[in-house]
Amino acid sequence: MKIVAVAAVFLGEAISIIAELIASRRFGKAGGDVTMLPPMFLLISFGGILLVFGYALGYMHLKNIWIIVAISVGAILVVEPILTLLLFRDVPTTGSLIGLMLGALGTLAAVCL
């Protein structure tokens, strides 16, 4: 059940990030066309449901909410830069990379310690 909780949190974060990035990319290209927002709203709602399920299940079995929070932040730190690079073809700046590495180290410390 712990693995299911972690997978739900990771997948929920990934789906939410995908919806955010696709919406921002399409909205920017279409000049503010709002017709693409309802499908993205449904997608991010599904991601939110997975997140709530993962948090609840994780807390029930891990008995420590901070581990679930660290996993959630870690998922954001892993998935968002990869998807941003793939969708926008935008290379991060030096400051962004340093922040990403420090965030990843903090998440790793929270999970392992």
N, C-alpha and C. Protein backbone atom coordinates (compact mmCIF):
# COMPACT_ATOMS: atom_id res chain seq x y z
N MET A 1 0.82 -1.21 0.00
CA MET A 1 0.00 0.00 0.00
C MET A 1 0.86 1.26 0.00
N LYS A 2 2.05 1.15 0.59
CA LYS A 2 2.95 2.31 0.58
C LYS A 2 3.35 2.66 -0.84
N ILE A 3 3.61 1.65 -1.65
CA ILE A 3 4.00 1.89 -3.03
C ILE A 3 2.84 2.50 -3.82
N VAL A 4 1.64 2.06 -3.56
CA VAL A 4 0.47 2.62 -4.23
C VAL A 4 0.31 4.09 -3.86
N ALA A 5 0.52 4.42 -2.59
CA ALA A 5 0.42 5.81 -2.13
C ALA A 5 1.46 6.68 -2.82
N VAL A 6 2.69 6.21 -2.86
CA VAL A 6 3.76 6.98 -3.49
C VAL A 6 3.47 7.14 -4.99
N ALA A 7 3.01 6.07 -5.63
CA ALA A 7 2.69 6.14 -7.06
C ALA A 7 1.55 7.12 -7.32
N ALA A 8 0.53 7.12 -6.46
CA ALA A 8 -0.61 8.03 -6.63
C ALA A 8 -0.16 9.48 -6.49
N VAL A 9 0.69 9.76 -5.50
CA VAL A 9 1.19 11.12 -5.32
C VAL A 9 2.03 11.54 -6.53
N PHE A 10 2.93 10.66 -6.94
CA PHE A 10 3.81 10.98 -8.07
C PHE A 10 3.01 11.18 -9.35
N LEU A 11 2.06 10.29 -9.63
CA LEU A 11 1.24 10.39 -10.83
C LEU A 11 0.32 11.61 -10.77
N GLY A 12 -0.24 11.89 -9.59
CA GLY A 12 -1.10 13.06 -9.43
C GLY A 12 -0.34 14.35 -9.70
N GLU A 13 0.87 14.43 -9.18
CA GLU A 13 1.70 15.61 -9.45
C GLU A 13 2.03 15.71 -10.93
N ALA A 14 2.39 14.59 -11.54
CA ALA A 14 2.75 14.59 -12.96
C ALA A 14 1.58 15.03 -13.83
N ILE A 15 0.39 14.51 -13.56
CA ILE A 15 -0.78 14.88 -14.35
C ILE A 15 -1.12 16.36 -14.17
N SER A 16 -1.02 16.84 -12.94
CA SER A 16 -1.30 18.25 -12.68
C SER A 16 -0.31 19.15 -13.41
N ILE A 17 0.95 18.77 -13.38
CA ILE A 17 1.98 19.57 -14.06
C ILE A 17 1.77 19.55 -15.56
N ILE A 18 1.44 18.39 -16.11
CA ILE A 18 1.18 18.29 -17.55
C ILE A 18 0.04 19.23 -17.94
N ALA A 19 -1.04 19.22 -17.15
CA ALA A 19 -2.19 20.09 -17.45
C ALA A 19 -1.78 21.56 -17.39
N GLU A 20 -1.01 21.93 -16.39
CA GLU A 20 -0.58 23.33 -16.26
C GLU A 20 0.28 23.76 -17.44
N LEU A 21 1.24 22.92 -17.81
CA LEU A 21 2.15 23.29 -18.89
C LEU A 21 1.47 23.31 -20.25
N ILE A 22 0.61 22.33 -20.50
CA ILE A 22 -0.11 22.31 -21.78
C ILE A 22 -1.04 23.51 -21.88
N ALA A 23 -1.73 23.82 -20.79
CA ALA A 23 -2.64 24.97 -20.80
C ALA A 23 -1.87 26.26 -21.05
N SER A 24 -0.74 26.44 -20.38
CA SER A 24 0.01 27.68 -20.57
C SER A 24 0.58 27.77 -21.98
N ARG A 25 1.02 26.65 -22.52
CA ARG A 25 1.57 26.65 -23.88
C ARG A 25 0.49 26.95 -24.91
N ARG A 26 -0.63 26.27 -24.82
CA ARG A 26 -1.72 26.49 -25.79
C ARG A 26 -2.34 27.86 -25.64
N PHE A 27 -2.49 28.31 -24.39
CA PHE A 27 -3.09 29.61 -24.14
C PHE A 27 -2.21 30.71 -24.72
N GLY A 28 -0.90 30.54 -24.57
CA GLY A 28 0.02 31.54 -25.11
C GLY A 28 0.04 31.56 -26.62
N LYS A 29 -0.03 30.39 -27.26
CA LYS A 29 0.00 30.32 -28.72
C LYS A 29 -1.30 30.76 -29.35
N ALA A 30 -2.42 30.46 -28.70
CA ALA A 30 -3.73 30.77 -29.28
C ALA A 30 -4.16 32.21 -29.00
N GLY A 31 -3.35 32.95 -28.29
CA GLY A 31 -3.69 34.33 -28.01
C GLY A 31 -4.81 34.49 -27.01
N GLY A 32 -4.93 33.57 -26.09
CA GLY A 32 -5.93 33.68 -25.03
C GLY A 32 -7.22 32.93 -25.31
N ASP A 33 -7.20 31.94 -26.18
CA ASP A 33 -8.39 31.15 -26.48
C ASP A 33 -8.75 30.27 -25.28
N VAL A 34 -9.92 30.50 -24.71
CA VAL A 34 -10.31 29.80 -23.48
C VAL A 34 -10.97 28.45 -23.74
N THR A 35 -11.14 28.05 -24.99
CA THR A 35 -11.82 26.78 -25.27
C THR A 35 -10.99 25.57 -24.85
N MET A 36 -9.70 25.74 -24.69
CA MET A 36 -8.87 24.62 -24.27
C MET A 36 -8.77 24.49 -22.75
N LEU A 37 -9.31 25.44 -22.03
CA LEU A 37 -9.22 25.39 -20.57
C LEU A 37 -10.09 24.30 -19.92
N PRO A 38 -11.32 24.04 -20.37
CA PRO A 38 -12.11 22.97 -19.72
C PRO A 38 -11.46 21.59 -19.74
N PRO A 39 -10.86 21.13 -20.85
CA PRO A 39 -10.20 19.82 -20.79
C PRO A 39 -9.02 19.81 -19.80
N MET A 40 -8.30 20.92 -19.72
CA MET A 40 -7.18 21.00 -18.79
C MET A 40 -7.68 21.03 -17.34
N PHE A 41 -8.84 21.66 -17.14
CA PHE A 41 -9.45 21.68 -15.81
C PHE A 41 -9.81 20.26 -15.38
N LEU A 42 -10.36 19.47 -16.29
CA LEU A 42 -10.70 18.08 -15.98
C LEU A 42 -9.44 17.26 -15.69
N LEU A 43 -8.41 17.49 -16.47
CA LEU A 43 -7.16 16.75 -16.27
C LEU A 43 -6.53 17.09 -14.92
N ILE A 44 -6.49 18.36 -14.57
CA ILE A 44 -5.89 18.74 -13.29
C ILE A 44 -6.77 18.30 -12.13
N SER A 45 -8.08 18.21 -12.34
CA SER A 45 -8.97 17.69 -11.29
C SER A 45 -8.68 16.22 -11.02
N PHE A 46 -8.44 15.45 -12.08
CA PHE A 46 -8.09 14.04 -11.91
C PHE A 46 -6.75 13.92 -11.17
N GLY A 47 -5.79 14.77 -11.52
CA GLY A 47 -4.51 14.77 -10.81
C GLY A 47 -4.70 15.11 -9.33
N GLY A 48 -5.58 16.04 -9.04
CA GLY A 48 -5.86 16.40 -7.65
C GLY A 48 -6.50 15.27 -6.88
N ILE A 49 -7.38 14.53 -7.52
CA ILE A 49 -8.00 13.37 -6.87
C ILE A 49 -6.92 12.34 -6.51
N LEU A 50 -6.01 12.08 -7.45
CA LEU A 50 -4.91 11.16 -7.17
C LEU A 50 -4.03 11.66 -6.03
N LEU A 51 -3.79 12.95 -5.99
CA LEU A 51 -2.98 13.52 -4.90
C LEU A 51 -3.65 13.32 -3.54
N VAL A 52 -4.93 13.64 -3.46
CA VAL A 52 -5.65 13.47 -2.19
C VAL A 52 -5.64 12.00 -1.77
N PHE A 53 -5.90 11.10 -2.73
CA PHE A 53 -5.88 9.67 -2.44
C PHE A 53 -4.50 9.24 -1.96
N GLY A 54 -3.46 9.69 -2.65
CA GLY A 54 -2.09 9.33 -2.28
C GLY A 54 -1.70 9.86 -0.91
N TYR A 55 -2.06 11.10 -0.61
CA TYR A 55 -1.77 11.67 0.70
C TYR A 55 -2.48 10.89 1.80
N ALA A 56 -3.77 10.62 1.59
CA ALA A 56 -4.55 9.91 2.61
C ALA A 56 -4.02 8.50 2.83
N LEU A 57 -3.79 7.78 1.75
CA LEU A 57 -3.29 6.41 1.85
C LEU A 57 -1.88 6.40 2.43
N GLY A 58 -1.07 7.34 2.02
CA GLY A 58 0.29 7.41 2.55
C GLY A 58 0.32 7.70 4.03
N TYR A 59 -0.53 8.62 4.47
CA TYR A 59 -0.56 8.93 5.90
C TYR A 59 -1.07 7.75 6.72
N MET A 60 -2.03 7.01 6.16
CA MET A 60 -2.57 5.84 6.87
C MET A 60 -1.48 4.78 7.08
N HIS A 61 -0.62 4.60 6.11
CA HIS A 61 0.36 3.51 6.18
C HIS A 61 1.75 3.95 6.62
N LEU A 62 2.10 5.20 6.39
CA LEU A 62 3.43 5.67 6.78
C LEU A 62 3.44 6.38 8.14
N LYS A 63 2.28 6.88 8.55
CA LYS A 63 2.10 7.55 9.84
C LYS A 63 2.97 8.80 10.00
N ASN A 64 3.44 9.36 8.88
CA ASN A 64 4.24 10.57 8.93
C ASN A 64 3.95 11.38 7.67
N ILE A 65 3.26 12.50 7.84
CA ILE A 65 2.86 13.32 6.69
C ILE A 65 4.06 13.95 6.00
N TRP A 66 5.14 14.15 6.72
CA TRP A 66 6.31 14.80 6.13
C TRP A 66 6.97 13.95 5.06
N ILE A 67 6.88 12.65 5.18
CA ILE A 67 7.42 11.78 4.15
C ILE A 67 6.62 11.95 2.86
N ILE A 68 5.31 12.03 2.98
CA ILE A 68 4.45 12.22 1.81
C ILE A 68 4.70 13.59 1.18
N VAL A 69 4.86 14.60 2.01
CA VAL A 69 5.14 15.94 1.49
C VAL A 69 6.47 15.95 0.73
N ALA A 70 7.48 15.29 1.28
CA ALA A 70 8.79 15.22 0.62
C ALA A 70 8.69 14.49 -0.71
N ILE A 71 7.90 13.44 -0.76
CA ILE A 71 7.70 12.70 -2.01
C ILE A 71 6.99 13.59 -3.04
N SER A 72 6.01 14.35 -2.59
CA SER A 72 5.29 15.25 -3.47
C SER A 72 6.21 16.32 -4.04
N VAL A 73 6.99 16.94 -3.19
CA VAL A 73 7.94 17.97 -3.64
C VAL A 73 8.98 17.35 -4.56
N GLY A 74 9.43 16.15 -4.22
CA GLY A 74 10.39 15.46 -5.06
C GLY A 74 9.83 15.17 -6.44
N ALA A 75 8.57 14.79 -6.49
CA ALA A 75 7.94 14.53 -7.79
C ALA A 75 7.90 15.81 -8.63
N ILE A 76 7.58 16.91 -7.98
CA ILE A 76 7.57 18.19 -8.69
C ILE A 76 8.97 18.52 -9.20
N LEU A 77 9.97 18.30 -8.36
CA LEU A 77 11.35 18.61 -8.75
C LEU A 77 11.86 17.74 -9.89
N VAL A 78 11.34 16.56 -10.00
CA VAL A 78 11.79 15.66 -11.07
C VAL A 78 10.98 15.87 -12.35
N VAL A 79 9.67 15.89 -12.22
CA VAL A 79 8.79 15.89 -13.39
C VAL A 79 8.72 17.25 -14.08
N GLU A 80 8.59 18.31 -13.34
CA GLU A 80 8.36 19.62 -13.97
C GLU A 80 9.52 20.08 -14.85
N PRO A 81 10.76 19.98 -14.41
CA PRO A 81 11.84 20.40 -15.33
C PRO A 81 11.91 19.54 -16.60
N ILE A 82 11.68 18.24 -16.45
CA ILE A 82 11.72 17.36 -17.62
C ILE A 82 10.61 17.73 -18.61
N LEU A 83 9.40 17.90 -18.11
CA LEU A 83 8.29 18.24 -18.99
C LEU A 83 8.44 19.63 -19.58
N THR A 84 8.98 20.57 -18.82
CA THR A 84 9.21 21.92 -19.35
C THR A 84 10.22 21.87 -20.49
N LEU A 85 11.26 21.11 -20.30
CA LEU A 85 12.27 20.96 -21.35
C LEU A 85 11.66 20.31 -22.60
N LEU A 86 10.84 19.28 -22.40
CA LEU A 86 10.24 18.58 -23.54
C LEU A 86 9.18 19.42 -24.26
N LEU A 87 8.33 20.12 -23.52
CA LEU A 87 7.24 20.87 -24.14
C LEU A 87 7.67 22.22 -24.70
N PHE A 88 8.55 22.92 -23.98
CA PHE A 88 8.91 24.28 -24.37
C PHE A 88 10.27 24.38 -25.05
N ARG A 89 11.07 23.31 -24.95
CA ARG A 89 12.44 23.32 -25.50
C ARG A 89 13.23 24.51 -24.96
N ASP A 90 13.02 24.80 -23.69
CA ASP A 90 13.66 25.93 -23.03
C ASP A 90 14.71 25.41 -22.06
N VAL A 91 15.94 25.86 -22.21
CA VAL A 91 17.04 25.41 -21.36
C VAL A 91 17.06 26.25 -20.09
N PRO A 92 17.21 25.61 -18.92
CA PRO A 92 17.20 26.38 -17.67
C PRO A 92 18.46 27.23 -17.51
N THR A 93 18.31 28.30 -16.75
CA THR A 93 19.44 29.18 -16.45
C THR A 93 20.27 28.57 -15.32
N THR A 94 21.41 29.16 -15.05
CA THR A 94 22.30 28.66 -13.99
C THR A 94 21.61 28.71 -12.62
N GLY A 95 20.93 29.81 -12.34
CA GLY A 95 20.23 29.93 -11.07
C GLY A 95 19.13 28.90 -10.90
N SER A 96 18.44 28.62 -11.99
CA SER A 96 17.39 27.60 -11.95
C SER A 96 17.97 26.22 -11.66
N LEU A 97 19.09 25.92 -12.28
CA LEU A 97 19.73 24.62 -12.04
C LEU A 97 20.23 24.48 -10.61
N ILE A 98 20.80 25.55 -10.07
CA ILE A 98 21.27 25.52 -8.68
C ILE A 98 20.09 25.32 -7.74
N GLY A 99 19.00 26.04 -7.97
CA GLY A 99 17.80 25.87 -7.15
C GLY A 99 17.23 24.47 -7.24
N LEU A 100 17.24 23.92 -8.43
CA LEU A 100 16.75 22.56 -8.64
C LEU A 100 17.59 21.55 -7.88
N MET A 101 18.90 21.69 -7.95
CA MET A 101 19.79 20.76 -7.24
C MET A 101 19.63 20.87 -5.73
N LEU A 102 19.54 22.11 -5.21
CA LEU A 102 19.36 22.28 -3.77
C LEU A 102 18.01 21.73 -3.30
N GLY A 103 16.97 21.93 -4.11
CA GLY A 103 15.66 21.37 -3.78
C GLY A 103 15.68 19.86 -3.78
N ALA A 104 16.37 19.27 -4.76
CA ALA A 104 16.47 17.82 -4.83
C ALA A 104 17.24 17.26 -3.63
N LEU A 105 18.30 17.95 -3.24
CA LEU A 105 19.07 17.51 -2.06
C LEU A 105 18.23 17.61 -0.79
N GLY A 106 17.44 18.67 -0.68
CA GLY A 106 16.56 18.82 0.48
C GLY A 106 15.50 17.73 0.55
N THR A 107 14.92 17.41 -0.60
CA THR A 107 13.93 16.35 -0.66
C THR A 107 14.55 15.00 -0.31
N LEU A 108 15.72 14.75 -0.86
CA LEU A 108 16.43 13.50 -0.55
C LEU A 108 16.75 13.39 0.95
N ALA A 109 17.15 14.50 1.54
CA ALA A 109 17.44 14.51 2.97
C ALA A 109 16.17 14.24 3.79
N ALA A 110 15.05 14.83 3.37
CA ALA A 110 13.81 14.62 4.11
C ALA A 110 13.34 13.18 4.04
N VAL A 111 13.54 12.54 2.89
CA VAL A 111 13.08 11.16 2.74
C VAL A 111 14.03 10.19 3.45
N CYS A 112 15.33 10.43 3.34
CA CYS A 112 16.31 9.48 3.87
C CYS A 112 16.61 9.66 5.36
N LEU A 113 16.55 10.86 5.84
CA LEU A 113 16.89 11.09 7.24
C LEU A 113 15.65 11.01 8.06
